[in-house]
Protein backbone atom coordinates (compact mmCIF):
# COMPACT_ATOMS: atom_id res chain seq x y z
CA MET A 1 3.35 11.15 -3.40
CA ILE A 2 2.09 7.62 -3.17
CA GLU A 3 1.65 7.46 0.64
CA LEU A 4 -0.86 10.71 0.37
CA GLU A 5 -2.46 8.55 -2.49
CA LEU A 6 -2.94 5.66 -0.36
CA GLU A 7 -4.06 7.54 2.17
CA ARG A 8 -6.73 9.52 0.24
CA LEU A 9 -7.78 5.82 -1.12
CA LEU A 10 -8.50 4.54 1.99
CA PHE A 11 -10.40 7.36 3.05
CA ALA A 12 -12.55 7.18 0.06
CA ALA A 13 -13.03 3.35 0.65
CA LYS A 14 -14.43 3.93 4.29
CA GLN A 15 -16.94 6.03 3.07
CA ASP A 16 -17.75 3.59 -0.19
CA GLU A 17 -18.53 0.17 0.57
CA LYS A 18 -18.52 -0.59 -3.22
CA LEU A 19 -15.47 0.75 -3.24
CA LYS A 20 -14.36 -0.89 -0.66
CA SER A 21 -15.25 -4.21 -2.27
CA ARG A 22 -13.57 -3.46 -5.55
CA LEU A 23 -10.56 -2.80 -4.05
CA LEU A 24 -10.60 -6.25 -2.14
CA ALA A 25 -11.81 -8.09 -5.45
CA THR A 26 -8.50 -7.15 -6.88
CA ARG A 27 -6.73 -9.40 -4.13
CA ASP A 28 -8.58 -12.44 -5.89
CA SER A 29 -6.94 -12.14 -9.25
CA GLU A 30 -4.26 -13.65 -11.19
CA GLU A 31 -2.45 -10.40 -11.06
CA PRO A 32 -3.31 -8.66 -7.40
CA VAL A 33 -0.82 -5.57 -7.42
CA GLU A 34 -0.80 -4.82 -10.99
CA ASP A 35 -5.02 -4.54 -11.26
CA PHE A 36 -5.05 -3.08 -7.96
CA CYS A 37 -2.70 -0.28 -9.57
CA ALA A 38 -4.87 -0.46 -12.52
CA LEU A 39 -8.14 0.24 -10.47
CA CYS A 40 -6.53 3.02 -8.72
CA ARG A 41 -5.34 4.78 -11.80
CA SER A 42 -8.98 4.46 -13.17
CA LEU A 43 -9.98 6.32 -10.32
CA GLY A 44 -7.73 8.92 -10.72
CA TYR A 45 -5.56 7.93 -7.75
CA SER A 46 -1.67 7.73 -8.72
CA VAL A 47 -0.59 4.43 -7.79
CA THR A 48 1.89 2.31 -9.66
CA ALA A 49 3.56 -1.26 -8.23
CA GLY A 50 6.91 0.27 -8.58
CA GLU A 51 5.95 3.24 -6.22
CA LEU A 52 4.16 0.52 -3.73
CA PHE A 53 7.47 -1.65 -3.53
CA THR A 54 9.79 1.49 -3.18
CA VAL A 55 7.84 3.42 -0.54
CA GLY A 56 8.18 0.28 1.74
CA MET A 57 11.73 -0.23 1.02
CA THR A 58 12.66 3.54 1.35
CA ALA A 59 10.91 3.30 4.84
CA GLY A 60 12.66 0.20 6.15
CA ASP A 61 15.98 1.52 4.95
CA ALA A 62 15.83 4.74 6.69
CA MET A 63 14.37 3.22 9.70
CA LEU A 64 17.48 1.09 10.11
CA ARG A 65 20.09 3.97 9.18
CA SER A 66 18.50 5.94 12.12
CA VAL A 67 20.02 3.49 14.71
CA ASN A 68 23.46 4.00 13.65
CA GLY A 69 24.11 -0.02 13.15
CA GLY A 70 22.33 -1.23 16.02
CA GLY A 71 19.34 -2.61 14.22
CA VAL A 72 20.75 -4.08 11.58
CA ASN A 73 17.42 -6.85 10.98
CA ALA A 74 14.60 -5.31 8.99
CA ILE A 75 10.94 -5.93 10.58
CA ASP A 76 9.23 -8.66 8.61
CA GLY A 77 5.90 -6.69 7.38
CA TRP A 78 7.19 -2.98 7.39
CA ASP A 79 7.95 -2.80 4.23
CA ASP A 80 5.15 -3.67 2.41
CA ALA A 81 2.89 -0.81 1.81
CA TYR A 82 0.35 -3.20 -0.44
CA GLU A 83 -0.65 -5.23 2.54
CA GLN A 84 -0.69 -2.68 4.90
CA PHE A 85 -3.26 -1.00 2.82
CA PHE A 86 -5.36 -3.96 2.73
CA SER A 87 -4.68 -4.39 6.49
CA GLN A 88 -6.38 -1.18 7.37
CA LEU A 89 -9.06 -1.32 4.50
CA ILE A 90 -10.14 -4.85 6.08
CA TRP A 91 -10.50 -3.48 9.40
CA THR A 92 -12.33 -0.41 8.89
């Protein structure tokens, strides 16, 4: 499950400043999401771009279904697991 992989990766990056720097550096590349995922996979974490986008959409869809039609507008940013990961990484 990608959420667990991102959690494990975040924990590892909190412990290893070099890893944190390598992850942050992917944001400056021409293909930041692909390079981030490639780095993750090279380190043994199962992270793909498709999963990053799907997990956010799935969580957002579930949240909207849970309000029985009362919350028809998604909350911006809640569906972006990639950006949420980096927000947490930067502030650690």
